[in-house]
Protein backbone atom coordinates (compact mmCIF):
# COMPACT_ATOMS: atom_id res chain seq x y z
CA MET A 1 -42.88 19.95 28.72
CA GLN A 2 -46.65 19.69 28.27
CA ALA A 3 -46.26 19.16 24.52
CA VAL A 4 -43.73 16.35 25.11
CA LEU A 5 -46.04 14.66 27.62
CA ALA A 6 -48.95 14.92 25.22
CA VAL A 7 -46.94 13.25 22.45
CA MET A 8 -45.73 10.56 24.87
CA GLU A 9 -49.27 9.81 25.98
CA LYS A 10 -50.39 9.37 22.37
CA LEU A 11 -47.45 7.11 21.51
CA GLU A 12 -47.96 4.94 24.60
CA LYS A 13 -51.48 3.87 23.71
CA GLY A 14 -52.21 0.47 22.17
CA LYS A 15 -50.01 -0.56 19.29
CA ARG A 16 -48.72 2.94 18.60
CA ALA A 17 -45.65 2.37 20.75
CA TYR A 18 -44.66 -0.70 18.73
CA LEU A 19 -45.30 1.05 15.41
CA PHE A 20 -43.22 4.02 16.55
CA LEU A 21 -40.36 1.82 17.72
CA LEU A 22 -40.50 -0.23 14.51
CA LEU A 23 -40.19 2.94 12.41
CA PHE A 24 -37.56 4.32 14.76
CA GLY A 25 -35.60 1.06 14.61
CA LEU A 26 -35.74 0.98 10.82
CA LEU A 27 -34.39 4.53 10.69
CA PHE A 28 -31.54 3.50 12.97
CA PHE A 29 -30.64 0.05 11.68
CA LEU A 30 -31.28 0.03 7.91
CA PRO A 31 -29.13 2.95 6.69
CA GLY A 32 -25.74 1.54 5.77
CA LEU A 33 -26.87 -2.08 5.66
CA ALA A 34 -25.99 -2.28 1.96
CA SER A 35 -23.49 0.56 1.60
CA LEU A 36 -21.14 -0.32 4.48
CA PRO A 37 -18.37 -2.51 2.98
CA THR A 38 -17.71 -6.02 4.25
CA THR A 39 -15.78 -5.69 7.50
CA ASP A 40 -12.93 -7.76 8.89
CA ARG A 41 -12.60 -10.06 10.59
CA ASP A 42 -15.55 -11.73 12.29
CA GLU A 43 -18.22 -10.56 9.87
CA SER A 44 -16.29 -11.80 6.83
CA ARG A 45 -15.62 -15.16 8.46
CA PHE A 46 -19.28 -15.73 9.27
CA ALA A 47 -20.43 -14.56 5.84
CA GLN A 48 -17.82 -16.62 3.99
CA ALA A 49 -18.76 -19.78 5.91
CA SER A 50 -22.45 -19.20 5.07
CA LYS A 51 -21.51 -18.51 1.46
CA GLN A 52 -19.66 -21.83 1.25
CA MET A 53 -22.73 -23.65 2.58
CA LEU A 54 -24.67 -22.20 -0.34
CA GLU A 55 -21.91 -23.10 -2.79
CA THR A 56 -21.49 -26.68 -1.59
CA GLY A 57 -25.00 -27.51 -0.38
CA ASN A 58 -23.53 -28.79 2.91
CA TYR A 59 -25.59 -27.15 5.68
CA VAL A 60 -24.13 -29.14 8.57
CA ASP A 61 -20.37 -28.58 8.42
CA ILE A 62 -18.91 -25.08 8.94
CA ARG A 63 -15.79 -24.11 7.01
CA PHE A 64 -13.81 -21.04 6.06
CA GLN A 65 -12.26 -22.10 2.75
CA GLU A 66 -10.56 -25.44 3.60
CA VAL A 67 -10.27 -24.71 7.33
CA PRO A 68 -12.95 -26.01 9.75
CA ARG A 69 -14.66 -23.19 11.65
CA TYR A 70 -15.80 -24.89 14.84
CA LYS A 71 -16.06 -21.94 17.22
CA LYS A 72 -19.80 -21.27 17.13
CA PRO A 73 -22.87 -23.46 16.53
CA ILE A 74 -24.86 -23.52 13.31
CA GLY A 75 -27.77 -21.18 14.10
CA ILE A 76 -26.48 -17.92 12.64
CA TYR A 77 -25.25 -19.66 9.48
CA TRP A 78 -28.68 -21.15 8.82
CA LEU A 79 -30.29 -17.75 9.32
CA GLN A 80 -27.85 -16.12 6.91
CA VAL A 81 -28.29 -18.86 4.32
CA ALA A 82 -32.07 -18.40 4.50
CA THR A 83 -31.94 -14.62 4.03
CA VAL A 84 -29.42 -14.86 1.18
CA LYS A 85 -31.65 -17.34 -0.63
CA LEU A 86 -34.69 -15.13 -0.12
CA ALA A 87 -32.84 -12.01 -1.29
CA GLY A 88 -31.71 -13.65 -4.53
CA GLN A 89 -28.53 -11.54 -4.70
CA PRO A 90 -25.06 -12.67 -5.86
CA LEU A 91 -23.30 -14.55 -3.08
CA GLU A 92 -20.58 -11.90 -2.68
CA VAL A 93 -23.13 -9.16 -1.87
CA ILE A 94 -22.95 -8.64 1.88
CA TRP A 95 -26.26 -7.05 2.87
CA PRO A 96 -28.42 -10.23 2.77
CA TYR A 97 -26.06 -11.84 5.30
CA ARG A 98 -26.71 -8.88 7.62
CA ILE A 99 -30.50 -9.20 7.65
CA PRO A 100 -30.62 -11.63 10.64
CA SER A 101 -28.67 -9.07 12.68
CA SER A 102 -31.00 -6.23 11.70
CA LEU A 103 -34.08 -8.32 12.44
CA GLY A 104 -32.54 -9.38 15.77
CA ALA A 105 -31.96 -5.74 16.69
CA LEU A 106 -35.53 -4.79 15.77
CA ALA A 107 -36.92 -7.74 17.72
CA THR A 108 -34.84 -6.72 20.75
CA VAL A 109 -36.28 -3.21 20.68
CA LEU A 110 -39.88 -4.43 20.41
CA LEU A 111 -39.40 -7.14 23.06
CA THR A 112 -37.85 -4.64 25.46
CA CYS A 113 -40.89 -2.42 25.04
CA PHE A 114 -43.27 -5.36 25.48
CA PHE A 115 -41.69 -6.58 28.70
CA GLY A 116 -41.35 -3.03 30.00
CA ARG A 117 -45.09 -2.56 29.60
CA ARG A 118 -45.74 -5.88 31.38
CA PHE A 119 -43.24 -5.26 34.17
CA PHE A 120 -43.97 -1.58 34.84
CA ASN A 121 -46.14 0.59 32.61
CA ARG A 122 -46.56 1.74 29.02
CA ARG A 123 -44.27 4.74 29.38
CA ALA A 124 -41.41 2.69 30.81
CA GLY A 125 -41.74 0.20 27.95
CA LEU A 126 -41.60 2.94 25.32
CA LEU A 127 -38.64 4.71 26.92
CA ALA A 128 -36.73 1.43 27.34
CA GLY A 129 -37.29 0.55 23.68
CA VAL A 130 -36.00 3.96 22.62
CA LEU A 131 -32.89 3.63 24.80
CA VAL A 132 -32.02 0.22 23.32
CA ALA A 133 -32.71 1.27 19.73
CA SER A 134 -30.54 4.37 19.91
CA CYS A 135 -27.47 2.86 21.60
CA LEU A 136 -24.21 2.86 19.67
CA LEU A 137 -23.21 -0.79 20.11
CA LEU A 138 -26.51 -2.25 18.92
CA GLY A 139 -26.44 0.15 15.96
CA VAL A 140 -23.08 -1.30 14.97
CA GLU A 141 -24.01 -4.94 15.55
CA ALA A 142 -27.31 -4.55 13.63
CA ARG A 143 -25.23 -3.89 10.49
CA LEU A 144 -22.77 -6.77 10.85
CA ALA A 145 -23.29 -10.37 9.74
CA LYS A 146 -22.41 -11.86 13.14
CA THR A 147 -24.12 -13.67 16.00
CA ASP A 148 -24.55 -10.92 18.55
CA ALA A 149 -27.67 -8.98 17.49
CA ALA A 150 -29.61 -12.17 16.72
CA LEU A 151 -28.44 -13.67 20.01
CA LEU A 152 -29.58 -10.55 21.87
CA ALA A 153 -33.14 -11.06 20.62
CA THR A 154 -33.22 -14.62 21.99
CA ILE A 155 -31.74 -13.56 25.34
CA THR A 156 -34.20 -10.66 25.65
CA ALA A 157 -37.09 -13.05 25.01
CA MET A 158 -35.68 -15.67 27.39
CA GLN A 159 -35.01 -13.26 30.24
CA GLY A 160 -38.25 -11.36 29.74
CA LEU A 161 -40.21 -14.59 29.99
CA LEU A 162 -38.17 -15.55 33.04
CA GLY A 163 -39.20 -12.23 34.61
CA LEU A 164 -42.88 -12.91 33.95
CA LEU A 165 -42.54 -16.37 35.48
CA TYR A 166 -40.73 -14.90 38.48
CA LEU A 167 -43.61 -12.52 39.12
CA GLU A 168 -46.05 -15.46 39.05
CA ARG A 169 -43.86 -18.00 40.84
CA HIS A 170 -46.25 -18.46 43.76
CA GLU A 171 -49.30 -19.09 41.63
CA ARG A 172 -50.51 -22.40 40.27
CA LEU A 173 -48.68 -23.69 37.18
CA LYS A 174 -51.88 -24.01 35.18
CA GLY A 175 -51.94 -21.38 32.43
CA ARG A 176 -48.20 -20.72 32.58
CA TRP A 177 -47.02 -23.66 30.48
CA PRO A 178 -46.83 -21.50 27.32
CA LEU A 179 -44.44 -19.12 29.10
CA VAL A 180 -42.33 -22.01 30.38
CA LEU A 181 -42.09 -23.62 26.94
CA LEU A 182 -41.31 -20.28 25.26
CA PHE A 183 -38.56 -19.66 27.84
CA TRP A 184 -36.87 -22.96 27.05
CA PHE A 185 -37.43 -22.52 23.31
CA ALA A 186 -35.73 -19.10 23.36
CA CYS A 187 -32.89 -20.57 25.41
CA GLY A 188 -32.48 -23.44 22.91
CA VAL A 189 -32.41 -21.11 19.91
CA GLY A 190 -29.83 -18.96 21.71
CA VAL A 191 -27.66 -22.04 22.32
CA LEU A 192 -27.94 -22.93 18.65
CA ILE A 193 -26.67 -19.43 17.80
CA LYS A 194 -23.85 -19.01 20.32
CA GLY A 195 -23.48 -21.99 22.56
CA PRO A 196 -23.71 -21.86 26.38
CA LEU A 197 -24.03 -18.09 26.88
CA PRO A 198 -27.87 -17.93 27.22
CA PRO A 199 -28.03 -20.71 29.86
CA VAL A 200 -25.16 -19.06 31.76
CA ILE A 201 -27.04 -15.76 31.97
CA ALA A 202 -30.31 -17.45 32.90
CA LEU A 203 -28.63 -19.63 35.52
CA ALA A 204 -26.82 -16.67 37.09
CA THR A 205 -30.14 -14.84 37.31
CA ILE A 206 -32.04 -17.80 38.76
CA LEU A 207 -29.40 -18.68 41.38
CA SER A 208 -28.98 -15.10 42.57
CA LEU A 209 -32.77 -14.77 42.97
CA ALA A 210 -32.91 -18.08 44.82
CA LEU A 211 -30.22 -16.88 47.23
CA PHE A 212 -31.95 -13.56 47.82
CA ASP A 213 -35.43 -15.04 48.23
CA ARG A 214 -34.15 -18.13 50.08
CA GLN A 215 -36.51 -20.36 48.14
CA LEU A 216 -36.55 -22.47 44.99
CA SER A 217 -40.03 -21.62 43.74
CA LEU A 218 -38.73 -20.13 40.48
CA ILE A 219 -36.74 -23.27 39.67
CA ARG A 220 -39.82 -25.42 40.23
CA THR A 221 -41.88 -23.04 38.09
CA LEU A 222 -39.49 -23.54 35.16
CA ARG A 223 -40.09 -27.33 35.12
CA PRO A 224 -36.40 -28.02 34.38
CA LEU A 225 -36.85 -31.66 33.32
CA ALA A 226 -39.39 -30.89 30.61
CA GLY A 227 -37.48 -27.74 29.67
CA LEU A 228 -34.15 -29.50 29.26
CA LEU A 229 -35.82 -32.12 27.07
CA LEU A 230 -37.14 -29.34 24.81
CA LEU A 231 -33.73 -27.66 24.74
CA ALA A 232 -32.11 -30.98 23.81
CA ALA A 233 -34.66 -31.50 21.05
CA ILE A 234 -33.65 -28.15 19.54
CA VAL A 235 -29.88 -28.51 19.86
CA LEU A 236 -29.04 -32.22 19.72
CA PRO A 237 -30.02 -33.10 16.10
CA TRP A 238 -27.44 -30.77 14.60
CA PHE A 239 -24.91 -31.46 17.36
CA ILE A 240 -25.08 -35.20 16.71
CA ALA A 241 -24.82 -34.60 12.95
CA ILE A 242 -21.74 -32.36 13.23
CA GLN A 243 -20.05 -34.65 15.75
CA SER A 244 -20.61 -37.57 13.39
CA ALA A 245 -19.44 -35.63 10.34
CA THR A 246 -16.27 -34.42 12.05
CA GLY A 247 -15.43 -37.48 14.12
CA GLY A 248 -15.94 -35.53 17.35
CA GLU A 249 -13.71 -32.69 16.21
CA PHE A 250 -16.38 -29.99 16.61
CA MET A 251 -16.75 -30.44 20.39
CA GLN A 252 -12.98 -30.65 20.80
CA LYS A 253 -12.35 -27.36 18.99
CA ALA A 254 -15.44 -25.47 20.16
CA PHE A 255 -14.95 -26.22 23.86
CA PHE A 256 -11.23 -26.83 24.30
CA GLY A 257 -10.06 -24.62 21.44
CA ASP A 258 -12.37 -21.62 21.84
CA PHE A 259 -14.60 -21.50 24.93
CA LEU A 260 -12.20 -22.80 27.61
CA PRO A 261 -9.19 -20.65 26.54
CA LYS A 262 -11.40 -17.54 26.82
CA LEU A 263 -12.11 -18.42 30.45
CA LEU A 264 -8.46 -19.04 31.31
CA ALA A 265 -6.61 -16.25 29.48
CA GLY A 266 -7.09 -13.31 27.14
CA GLN A 267 -7.59 -14.96 23.76
CA GLU A 268 -6.43 -13.44 20.44
CA SER A 269 -5.00 -10.31 22.16
CA HIS A 270 -8.40 -9.50 23.68
CA GLY A 271 -7.40 -9.66 27.33
CA ALA A 272 -8.33 -6.86 29.72
CA PRO A 273 -8.54 -6.39 33.51
CA PRO A 274 -11.76 -6.35 35.55
CA GLY A 275 -13.59 -3.05 35.23
CA TYR A 276 -13.05 -2.91 31.47
CA TYR A 277 -16.77 -3.16 30.64
CA LEU A 278 -17.74 -0.71 33.36
CA LEU A 279 -15.33 1.84 31.93
CA LEU A 280 -16.56 1.26 28.38
CA PHE A 281 -20.26 1.32 29.21
CA PRO A 282 -20.76 5.08 28.62
CA LEU A 283 -19.39 4.55 25.11
CA LEU A 284 -21.20 1.30 24.30
CA PHE A 285 -24.64 2.51 25.42
CA TRP A 286 -24.13 6.07 24.14
CA PRO A 287 -26.04 8.40 24.09
CA GLY A 288 -28.58 6.82 26.49
CA SER A 289 -25.79 5.88 28.90
CA LEU A 290 -26.05 9.41 30.34
CA PHE A 291 -29.59 8.63 31.49
CA ALA A 292 -28.40 5.28 32.87
CA LEU A 293 -25.59 6.89 34.84
CA ARG A 294 -28.05 9.30 36.39
CA TYR A 295 -31.15 7.21 37.04
CA LEU A 296 -30.17 3.53 37.24
CA PRO A 297 -28.46 3.76 40.69
CA GLN A 298 -31.66 5.22 42.14
CA LEU A 299 -33.46 1.94 41.44
CA TRP A 300 -31.23 0.07 43.89
CA GLN A 301 -33.36 1.49 46.70
CA ARG A 302 -36.34 -0.34 45.17
CA ARG A 303 -34.70 -3.77 45.04
CA SER A 304 -37.32 -5.08 47.47
CA GLU A 305 -39.79 -4.91 44.56
CA ASP A 306 -39.88 -8.24 42.73
CA ILE A 307 -39.33 -6.98 39.20
CA VAL A 308 -36.61 -4.49 40.12
CA ARG A 309 -34.83 -7.27 42.00
CA PHE A 310 -35.20 -9.53 38.96
CA LEU A 311 -33.65 -6.96 36.62
CA PHE A 312 -30.69 -6.45 38.95
CA ALA A 313 -30.31 -10.24 39.13
CA TRP A 314 -30.22 -10.30 35.31
CA LEU A 315 -27.63 -7.53 35.25
CA ILE A 316 -25.20 -7.77 38.17
CA PRO A 317 -24.14 -11.44 38.68
CA ALA A 318 -23.45 -12.23 35.02
CA TRP A 319 -21.79 -8.83 34.50
CA ILE A 320 -19.37 -9.66 37.34
CA ILE A 321 -18.64 -13.02 35.72
CA PHE A 322 -17.87 -11.29 32.41
CA GLU A 323 -15.58 -8.80 34.17
CA LEU A 324 -13.65 -11.69 35.73
CA VAL A 325 -13.24 -13.66 32.50
CA PRO A 326 -9.86 -12.63 30.99
CA THR A 327 -11.02 -12.49 27.35
CA LYS A 328 -13.05 -9.34 26.75
CA LEU A 329 -14.71 -7.87 23.69
CA PRO A 330 -17.09 -4.89 23.84
CA HIS A 331 -20.13 -6.77 22.50
CA TYR A 332 -19.96 -9.43 25.23
CA VAL A 333 -22.02 -7.26 27.62
CA MET A 334 -24.76 -6.41 25.12
CA PRO A 335 -27.13 -9.09 26.61
CA PHE A 336 -27.47 -6.82 29.67
CA PHE A 337 -28.59 -3.75 27.73
CA PRO A 338 -32.35 -4.51 27.87
CA ALA A 339 -32.18 -4.82 31.67
CA ILE A 340 -30.24 -1.55 31.90
CA ALA A 341 -32.73 0.16 29.59
CA LEU A 342 -35.72 -1.05 31.61
CA LEU A 343 -34.24 0.06 34.93
CA THR A 344 -33.19 3.40 33.48
CA ALA A 345 -36.61 3.97 31.91
CA VAL A 346 -38.33 3.41 35.27
CA GLY A 347 -35.88 5.80 36.92
CA MET A 348 -36.66 8.41 34.26
CA SER A 349 -40.40 7.94 34.73
CA GLN A 350 -40.30 7.95 38.53
CA PRO A 351 -37.22 9.90 39.71
CA ALA A 352 -36.02 9.28 43.26
CA THR A 353 -33.22 10.55 45.47
CA LEU A 354 -30.22 8.62 46.71
CA GLY A 355 -29.15 8.34 50.30
CA ARG A 356 -26.10 10.33 51.34
CA ALA A 357 -23.73 7.33 51.63
CA ALA A 358 -24.85 5.79 48.37
CA GLY A 359 -24.80 9.21 46.75
CA LYS A 360 -21.06 9.73 47.33
CA LEU A 361 -20.08 6.46 45.70
CA CYS A 362 -22.51 6.92 42.84
CA ARG A 363 -21.33 10.48 42.23
CA LEU A 364 -17.75 9.27 41.96
CA LEU A 365 -18.59 6.51 39.47
CA SER A 366 -21.07 8.69 37.61
CA GLY A 367 -18.52 11.49 37.33
CA LEU A 368 -16.05 9.15 35.62
CA GLY A 369 -18.83 7.78 33.43
CA VAL A 370 -19.96 11.25 32.39
CA LEU A 371 -16.38 12.10 31.45
CA VAL A 372 -16.18 9.03 29.18
CA TRP A 373 -19.62 9.90 27.78
CA LEU A 374 -18.51 13.45 26.98
CA VAL A 375 -15.28 12.31 25.32
CA THR A 376 -17.33 9.88 23.22
CA ALA A 377 -19.69 12.67 22.16
CA LEU A 378 -16.83 14.92 21.11
CA LEU A 379 -14.98 12.16 19.24
CA LEU A 380 -18.06 11.06 17.32
CA CYS A 381 -19.59 14.41 16.54
CA ILE A 382 -16.37 16.23 15.68
CA GLY A 383 -14.28 13.30 14.47
CA LEU A 384 -16.84 11.88 12.03
CA PRO A 385 -17.11 15.06 9.91
CA LEU A 386 -13.32 15.38 9.96
CA LEU A 387 -12.81 11.92 8.42
CA PRO A 388 -14.10 12.80 4.92
CA ILE A 389 -12.34 16.17 5.11
CA TRP A 390 -9.05 14.41 5.88
CA PHE A 391 -9.48 12.06 2.92
CA HIS A 392 -10.76 14.81 0.57
CA GLN A 393 -14.19 13.22 0.31
CA PHE A 394 -16.20 15.89 2.11
CA GLU A 395 -19.82 16.72 1.29
CA PRO A 396 -22.00 19.29 3.12
CA TRP A 397 -24.24 16.59 4.66
CA HIS A 398 -21.22 15.18 6.49
CA LEU A 399 -21.76 17.99 9.01
CA LEU A 400 -24.94 16.28 10.24
CA PRO A 401 -23.10 14.40 13.06
CA LEU A 402 -21.79 17.72 14.32
CA LEU A 403 -25.31 19.13 14.35
CA GLY A 404 -26.58 15.97 16.04
CA GLY A 405 -23.86 16.28 18.65
CA LEU A 406 -24.96 19.81 19.44
CA PHE A 407 -28.54 18.60 20.06
CA ILE A 408 -27.28 15.82 22.33
CA LEU A 409 -24.95 18.12 24.26
CA ARG A 410 -27.80 20.60 24.65
CA GLY A 411 -29.90 17.79 26.11
CA ALA A 412 -27.07 16.79 28.43
CA TRP A 413 -26.83 20.35 29.71
CA LYS A 414 -30.58 20.42 30.39
CA LEU A 415 -30.26 17.14 32.28
CA HIS A 416 -27.41 18.62 34.31
CA LYS A 417 -29.70 21.53 35.20
CA ASP A 418 -32.25 19.02 36.57
CA LEU A 419 -34.84 19.51 33.87
CA PRO A 420 -37.28 16.58 33.58
CA PRO A 421 -35.72 13.74 31.54
CA LEU A 422 -38.72 13.58 29.22
CA CYS A 423 -37.77 17.08 27.98
CA VAL A 424 -34.31 15.79 27.10
CA VAL A 425 -35.30 12.58 25.30
CA PRO A 426 -36.41 14.30 22.04
CA LEU A 427 -33.06 16.11 21.78
CA PHE A 428 -31.19 12.82 22.23
CA LEU A 429 -33.35 11.07 19.64
CA LEU A 430 -32.96 13.81 17.06
CA GLY A 431 -29.24 14.00 17.70
CA ALA A 432 -28.75 10.24 17.38
CA LEU A 433 -30.72 10.22 14.11
CA LEU A 434 -28.37 12.87 12.76
CA VAL A 435 -25.22 11.02 13.89
CA PHE A 436 -25.69 7.32 13.11
CA PRO A 437 -27.50 6.88 9.74
CA ILE A 438 -25.26 9.24 7.75
CA THR A 439 -22.16 7.71 9.35
CA PHE A 440 -22.94 4.18 8.17
CA THR A 441 -24.56 5.20 4.88
CA ASP A 442 -21.99 7.61 3.52
CA ILE A 443 -19.12 8.71 5.76
CA LEU A 444 -17.50 5.33 6.48
CA PRO A 445 -18.20 3.72 3.06
CA ARG A 446 -16.80 6.76 1.24
CA ILE A 447 -13.32 6.35 2.74
CA GLU A 448 -11.29 4.00 0.54
CA LEU A 449 -8.25 3.42 2.75
CA PRO A 450 -9.65 0.70 5.08
CA TRP A 451 -11.57 -1.26 2.43
CA SER A 452 -8.70 -3.06 0.66
CA SER A 453 -10.72 -6.11 -0.40
CA ARG A 454 -13.40 -3.90 -1.94
CA GLN A 455 -10.75 -2.06 -3.94
CA VAL A 456 -9.31 -5.33 -5.23
CA ALA A 457 -12.78 -6.59 -6.19
CA GLY A 458 -13.51 -3.33 -7.99
CA ILE A 459 -10.32 -3.59 -10.03
CA LEU A 460 -10.87 -7.24 -10.95
CA ASP A 461 -14.45 -6.55 -12.06
CA ASP A 462 -12.97 -4.77 -15.10
CA HIS A 463 -10.74 -7.69 -16.10
CA PRO A 464 -11.26 -11.28 -17.27
CA PRO A 465 -12.21 -13.85 -14.59
CA GLY A 466 -9.46 -15.75 -12.86
CA ARG A 467 -8.40 -16.94 -9.44
CA LEU A 468 -6.48 -14.66 -7.07
CA ILE A 469 -3.38 -15.33 -4.98
CA SER A 470 -2.71 -13.03 -2.03
CA VAL A 471 0.65 -12.74 -0.30
CA GLY A 472 0.93 -10.66 2.87
CA PHE A 473 -2.74 -9.66 3.00
CA ALA A 474 -4.90 -12.43 4.46
CA GLU A 475 -8.06 -10.74 5.73
CA PRO A 476 -11.18 -12.92 5.32
CA SER A 477 -13.06 -10.26 3.33
CA LEU A 478 -10.75 -11.01 0.40
CA PRO A 479 -12.08 -14.52 -0.40
CA PHE A 480 -15.63 -13.42 0.37
CA LEU A 481 -15.54 -10.62 -2.20
CA ASN A 482 -13.15 -12.19 -4.69
CA GLY A 483 -14.16 -15.86 -4.61
CA THR A 484 -13.80 -18.82 -2.28
CA ALA A 485 -11.02 -20.15 -4.54
CA THR A 486 -8.81 -17.16 -3.56
CA LYS A 487 -5.59 -18.42 -1.99
CA LEU A 488 -4.13 -16.67 1.06
CA THR A 489 -0.54 -17.85 1.20
CA ASP A 490 3.11 -16.90 1.54
CA VAL A 491 5.74 -16.21 -1.14
CA GLN A 492 6.74 -19.85 -1.49
CA GLY A 493 3.14 -20.97 -1.83
CA ALA A 494 2.43 -18.24 -4.38
CA LEU A 495 5.33 -19.32 -6.60
CA LYS A 496 3.92 -22.84 -6.76
CA LEU A 497 0.41 -21.63 -7.53
CA LEU A 498 1.46 -19.24 -10.30
CA SER A 499 2.30 -22.21 -12.48
CA ASP A 500 -1.40 -23.14 -12.39
CA ASP A 501 -3.23 -21.53 -15.32
CA SER A 502 -6.41 -21.05 -13.24
CA PHE A 503 -4.59 -18.49 -11.08
CA ARG A 504 -4.49 -15.28 -13.09
CA TYR A 505 -3.95 -12.56 -10.48
CA LEU A 506 -1.44 -11.87 -7.68
CA LEU A 507 -1.99 -9.44 -4.79
CA LEU A 508 1.30 -8.58 -3.13
CA GLU A 509 1.75 -6.62 0.09
CA GLY A 510 4.70 -4.23 -0.15
CA ARG A 511 6.77 -5.77 2.67
CA GLN A 512 6.68 -9.12 0.86
CA LYS A 513 8.06 -7.73 -2.39
CA PRO A 514 11.82 -8.05 -1.55
CA ARG A 515 11.31 -11.67 -0.49
CA PHE A 516 9.39 -12.35 -3.70
CA ALA A 517 12.13 -10.77 -5.82
CA GLU A 518 14.78 -12.78 -3.96
CA MET A 519 13.07 -16.14 -4.51
CA ALA A 520 11.94 -15.48 -8.08
CA PRO A 521 14.21 -12.87 -9.72
CA GLY A 522 12.56 -11.14 -12.66
CA LEU A 523 9.15 -12.76 -12.19
CA LEU A 524 7.36 -9.60 -11.14
CA GLU A 525 8.72 -7.79 -14.21
CA ARG A 526 7.06 -10.43 -16.38
CA LEU A 527 3.68 -9.79 -14.74
CA TYR A 528 1.44 -6.87 -15.65
CA LEU A 529 0.87 -4.38 -12.81
CA LEU A 530 -2.84 -3.58 -12.81
CA GLN A 531 -2.76 -1.13 -9.92
CA ALA A 532 -0.81 -0.22 -6.79
CA PHE A 533 -2.51 1.58 -3.92
CA ASP A 534 -2.01 2.52 -0.29
CA SER A 535 -4.32 0.95 2.26
CA TYR A 536 -4.78 0.42 5.97
CA ASN A 537 -5.32 -2.91 7.71
CA TYR A 538 -7.49 -1.81 10.67
CA SER A 539 -7.50 -5.36 12.08
CA LYS A 540 -3.76 -5.13 12.62
CA GLY A 541 -3.43 -1.35 12.84
CA LYS A 542 -0.88 -1.22 10.01
CA LYS A 543 -0.49 0.84 6.86
CA MET A 544 0.03 -1.19 3.69
CA ARG A 545 1.09 -0.80 0.10
CA LEU A 546 -0.72 -3.31 -2.09
CA GLU A 547 0.17 -4.18 -5.68
CA LEU A 548 -2.19 -6.16 -7.90
CA TYR A 549 -0.62 -8.05 -10.81
CA ALA A 550 -2.03 -10.08 -13.68
CA LYS A 551 -0.43 -12.73 -15.84
CA PRO A 552 0.23 -11.49 -19.38
C-alpha cells in the first residue's frame, strides 16, 4: 500500500499526471487503429461520406453515394477530411478517418483529469482520468470513425467549464468572461458535430441546479444572449449553406426524419425499455464500473457540496431523459462518463459509509450490477482467447486477455475484502492493458468471417480495375473499400448494369443466386468465378455465402 501511495504522489505532481494519462491513453486507444477492419454500419457511412467530400471537393453537402445523408451536422466530416488530407494515405485506408475519434478520447481523458484537479484535488483528477481512459465503451469508440468520441471531448469541456462557473456564480463577472466564451464555444462545436445533444445536456444540468438552489444566478453568469450569438456564429454559416444547397431538405430530414422519430419510437430496431442503460452500465464502463458501483452512491450524502451537486445534476436528469427516449444505443450515455468517473474517484479517495436505508437499496442495485460486471469479465477474458481458437487462428499471445482477466478478478476480490481501492487500481490497469490492445490489434482483425468487404477488396486487388456490382450484400463498407462507384442493387438492377463495360465484377449473395438464374438463365455460367467464401453479416446477424464473379 505504501509503495502504491508513493507512486501516486509522484504522478499527481505538476504535469506528471497529464503525461502519464497521455501515455496511458495512447496505449489504450492507438493499438488497432490501423489493423481493425472497417466496421459496419455507422463507421463506414461516416467515412464514405467524408471520402466523397474529398473526391468531389464539395465540403458542404453530405452524401453516401447518390443518397443524401442528412442525419448529422458537418463537424465530424470536416474533422475526418482534415486528418485524411494530413495523413496523405489512399482514400480507402480507414485509420486516418479514425484519428478525430482517438484525439477526442485522449482530450476527454486529459480534460477529466484537469477538471477533477480543479473541482477536488490532484488525486481525484488522476483517478478519474484513469477510469475514463480504461473503460470499454470509450476504447471502442476511440477506434471508430464516428461522432461519439469527438463529441464527448466537447461535452466534457462544456460541462467542466459549466462546473467552474457554477462554483463562482456568486462572484463578480469580471475575469470569468473567458470561461463563459469557452463554454459557449465548446457547446457550438458540439452542435456542429451532433446537433442538439450538447445544449440538451447543459440545459438539463442548469435547470436542475436552478430548481435545487432556487435561484437563477448560474443562468445570469452564462450571459445567454452573448453566448447564443457566439453559438449562432459557429453553427449558422454552414447551416445556411446546406439549407440553401438542399432547398431546405437538410432540416426536414435531420429533424423530422431522424431526431424526432428517435424521441417518439424505437428507430431502426433500437428500441428498449427504461432501465436499459442502467443495466448495461457495468458492461459499458467496465472494468472501472466496479469502483463506480461501490463508491458512487456514497457521494449522494455529500450533495450539499456545490461541486458534488453539480456532478449529480450533470448525470441524473439527462440520464433519466435518455432512459425515457424509446430509441436507445449503448453509446448514447457516454457523455455522462466523465461525471461518473469524477464522483467515483472522489469516493475512492475519501471513502464514506451509507445510511442503513440507503444501504439496502444500493446493495440491491449494486448486487445486480456486480453480477453483470462479473459476466462481462468472464465473457471478455475467456471468450476473446476462444475466438481465434475457434477459427483456427490461435497464437500464444491471444492468452493475454485471460491473464488480464485474472488480474482484474484478483483486484475485484481484494475490493470485496475491503482493501483500500488504491491497492486495487494497479491490478485493474494492468489487466485492462492486457485485454484491450491485443483484442483490437490482432484477435478481432485476424478473424476473416465478419470482414466480407475486406475479403472482396483483397481479391480484387489481384485483378484488373473495374467497377463492382453487389446483389444481396449492401453493407456500406463495400463501397468505401471497393470504390464509390460500387453499385448496391437487386437482381434486376444488376442485369441492367452488367451490359455496361465499366462494370467488371459481380458480388452475389447465395440466397440471390436462384433468382438470378431464373431471370438470366446461363448468365452466371458465362462469368468467371473468382472466389466463393462463407461470411457473416454481423449487422443483420446472418450467415452468408458470397460468390465473386468477373466478366471474361
